[in-house]
Amino acid sequence: MTNSVTRDRRHFEDLQVGEVIDLGRTKVSKEMILQFAREFDPLPFHLDEKAAKASLLGGLAASGWQTGALTLRMLVDNFLSKIASAGGLGFTDLKWKAPVMVDDTIGGTAVIAGLRRSESHPQWGIVSIDFDVRNQNQHQVMTLRLANLVDVREIQA
């Protein structure tokens, strides 16, 4: 039985390994960095320009967790809101490759790397998604693999 909320969305059977998802782009402002840091990651190189300049990063930089949160928002806007997503299972291989600085624009692609049916819950499939997030200069800033549950249309007996 198809979920009435996700009935008109793409289901597990509609997805293909190798499918490329354009994440779009988002500009990271100084105020965005400060606001996120105040609430979630109050380290000096995220909050204080003088301390940030003296740090390894060389300037005010977004938290890696903020980069991840912004990337998830782009994934929701450009993919997850269009599929019958039942929720995330977690991630692996997270790497912050370069800092995201004030006024950087980040974006990139996500690729469906794997699809498999859940053995214990036949109503769901598991999609693995590999991310390549880059700044406006095409420097890679983050990579990771995300696992997500997706409703299936037809439950196999």
Protein backbone atom coordinates (compact mmCIF):
# COMPACT_ATOMS: atom_id res chain seq x y z
CA MET A 1 0.00 0.00 0.00
CA THR A 2 1.44 3.35 -1.04
CA ASN A 3 1.79 6.08 1.59
CA SER A 4 -0.75 8.84 0.81
CA VAL A 5 1.81 11.53 1.70
CA THR A 6 4.41 10.25 -0.78
CA ARG A 7 2.09 8.72 -3.39
CA ASP A 8 3.06 11.23 -6.12
CA ARG A 9 6.80 11.13 -5.42
CA ARG A 10 9.48 8.94 -6.93
CA HIS A 11 9.88 5.61 -5.14
CA PHE A 12 12.76 3.18 -4.71
CA GLU A 13 11.97 1.50 -8.04
CA ASP A 14 12.31 4.85 -9.86
CA LEU A 15 15.89 5.51 -8.72
CA GLN A 16 19.01 4.40 -10.59
CA VAL A 17 22.61 3.87 -9.56
CA GLY A 18 24.69 6.59 -11.20
CA GLU A 19 21.88 9.16 -11.16
CA VAL A 20 23.40 12.60 -10.59
CA ILE A 21 21.63 15.14 -8.39
CA ASP A 22 22.52 18.81 -8.83
CA LEU A 23 22.50 20.25 -5.32
CA GLY A 24 22.23 23.85 -6.47
CA ARG A 25 24.22 26.62 -4.81
CA THR A 26 24.10 28.64 -1.62
CA LYS A 27 26.16 31.68 -0.60
CA VAL A 28 27.53 31.60 2.94
CA SER A 29 27.46 35.05 4.54
CA LYS A 30 29.34 36.31 7.58
CA GLU A 31 26.06 36.57 9.49
CA MET A 32 25.15 32.97 8.63
CA ILE A 33 28.50 31.79 9.99
CA LEU A 34 28.19 33.83 13.18
CA GLN A 35 24.59 32.82 13.83
CA PHE A 36 25.30 29.11 13.39
CA ALA A 37 28.49 29.30 15.48
CA ARG A 38 26.79 31.14 18.34
CA GLU A 39 24.21 28.40 18.64
CA PHE A 40 26.05 25.22 17.68
CA ASP A 41 29.84 25.56 17.33
CA PRO A 42 31.17 28.50 19.35
CA LEU A 43 34.86 28.09 18.59
CA PRO A 44 36.91 31.29 18.12
CA PHE A 45 37.63 30.75 14.40
CA HIS A 46 33.86 30.65 13.78
CA LEU A 47 33.04 33.68 15.98
CA ASP A 48 35.94 36.11 16.21
CA GLU A 49 37.58 37.57 13.09
CA LYS A 50 40.85 38.41 14.86
CA ALA A 51 41.16 34.92 16.34
CA ALA A 52 40.13 33.41 13.00
CA LYS A 53 42.87 35.30 11.12
CA ALA A 54 45.46 33.96 13.58
CA SER A 55 44.14 30.39 13.23
CA LEU A 56 45.04 27.63 10.81
CA LEU A 57 42.03 28.69 8.72
CA GLY A 58 43.30 32.24 8.18
CA GLY A 59 39.90 33.87 8.46
CA LEU A 60 36.32 33.50 9.63
CA ALA A 61 35.13 30.07 8.51
CA ALA A 62 31.89 28.14 8.65
CA SER A 63 31.68 25.16 10.94
CA GLY A 64 31.99 21.88 9.10
CA TRP A 65 28.65 20.98 10.64
CA GLN A 66 27.16 24.10 9.07
CA THR A 67 28.52 23.00 5.69
CA GLY A 68 26.83 19.66 6.28
CA ALA A 69 23.55 21.28 7.31
CA LEU A 70 23.55 23.57 4.26
CA THR A 71 24.29 20.58 2.04
CA LEU A 72 21.41 18.62 3.56
CA ARG A 73 19.10 21.57 2.90
CA MET A 74 20.19 21.63 -0.74
CA LEU A 75 19.61 17.85 -0.96
CA VAL A 76 16.11 18.20 0.48
CA ASP A 77 15.25 21.07 -1.88
CA ASN A 78 16.58 19.33 -4.98
CA PHE A 79 15.99 15.63 -4.34
CA LEU A 80 14.59 14.31 -1.05
CA SER A 81 11.42 16.42 -1.27
CA LYS A 82 10.72 14.76 -4.64
CA ILE A 83 11.14 11.15 -3.54
CA ALA A 84 9.30 8.96 -1.04
CA SER A 85 11.98 9.41 1.59
CA ALA A 86 11.26 7.70 4.89
CA GLY A 87 14.27 9.26 6.64
CA GLY A 88 18.00 9.04 6.99
CA LEU A 89 20.01 6.11 8.33
CA GLY A 90 23.26 7.97 8.85
CA PHE A 91 26.43 8.81 7.01
CA THR A 92 29.96 7.56 6.57
CA ASP A 93 33.22 8.84 5.14
CA LEU A 94 32.60 12.48 6.07
CA LYS A 95 35.60 14.59 5.09
CA TRP A 96 35.94 18.35 5.38
CA LYS A 97 38.48 19.01 2.64
CA ALA A 98 38.77 22.81 2.83
CA PRO A 99 37.20 25.53 4.96
CA VAL A 100 34.12 27.42 3.79
CA MET A 101 34.92 31.10 4.24
CA VAL A 102 32.78 34.25 4.38
CA ASP A 103 31.05 34.88 1.02
CA ASP A 104 31.95 31.48 -0.42
CA THR A 105 29.27 29.88 -2.54
CA ILE A 106 28.96 26.16 -2.06
CA GLY A 107 27.18 23.58 -4.15
CA GLY A 108 27.95 20.47 -6.09
CA THR A 109 26.53 17.10 -6.87
CA ALA A 110 25.32 13.96 -5.19
CA VAL A 111 25.35 10.63 -7.00
CA ILE A 112 23.25 7.58 -6.22
CA ALA A 113 26.01 5.07 -5.44
CA GLY A 114 23.91 2.11 -4.33
CA LEU A 115 20.40 0.75 -4.08
CA ARG A 116 19.28 -2.27 -2.10
CA ARG A 117 16.10 -3.59 -0.57
CA SER A 118 15.94 -3.80 3.18
CA GLU A 119 15.93 -7.45 4.18
CA SER A 120 14.18 -6.85 7.49
CA HIS A 121 11.69 -4.19 6.30
CA PRO A 122 10.45 -5.03 2.78
CA GLN A 123 8.47 -1.79 2.53
CA TRP A 124 11.74 0.16 2.26
CA GLY A 125 14.73 0.38 0.02
CA ILE A 126 18.06 1.85 1.02
CA VAL A 127 19.74 4.40 -1.22
CA SER A 128 23.39 5.33 -0.75
CA ILE A 129 24.31 8.82 -1.96
CA ASP A 130 27.86 10.12 -2.47
CA PHE A 131 28.41 13.89 -2.13
CA ASP A 132 30.96 16.15 -3.79
CA VAL A 133 30.57 19.67 -2.37
CA ARG A 134 32.69 22.46 -3.83
CA ASN A 135 33.12 26.21 -3.50
CA GLN A 136 32.86 28.82 -6.25
CA ASN A 137 36.48 28.10 -7.28
CA GLN A 138 35.66 24.41 -7.71
CA HIS A 139 37.75 23.48 -4.67
CA GLN A 140 36.29 20.46 -2.93
CA VAL A 141 35.12 21.43 0.56
CA MET A 142 33.28 18.29 1.73
CA THR A 143 32.58 14.69 0.78
CA LEU A 144 30.43 12.07 2.46
CA ARG A 145 28.18 9.08 1.87
CA LEU A 146 24.59 9.25 3.13
CA ALA A 147 22.16 6.34 3.54
CA ASN A 148 18.44 7.04 3.24
CA LEU A 149 15.30 4.91 3.45
CA VAL A 150 12.88 5.19 0.52
CA ASP A 151 9.41 3.69 0.25
CA VAL A 152 8.94 0.91 -2.29
CA ARG A 153 5.83 0.70 -4.44
CA GLU A 154 5.61 -3.07 -4.58
CA ILE A 155 6.56 -5.19 -1.60
CA GLN A 156 8.20 -8.42 -2.72
CA ALA A 157 6.92 -11.57 -1.06
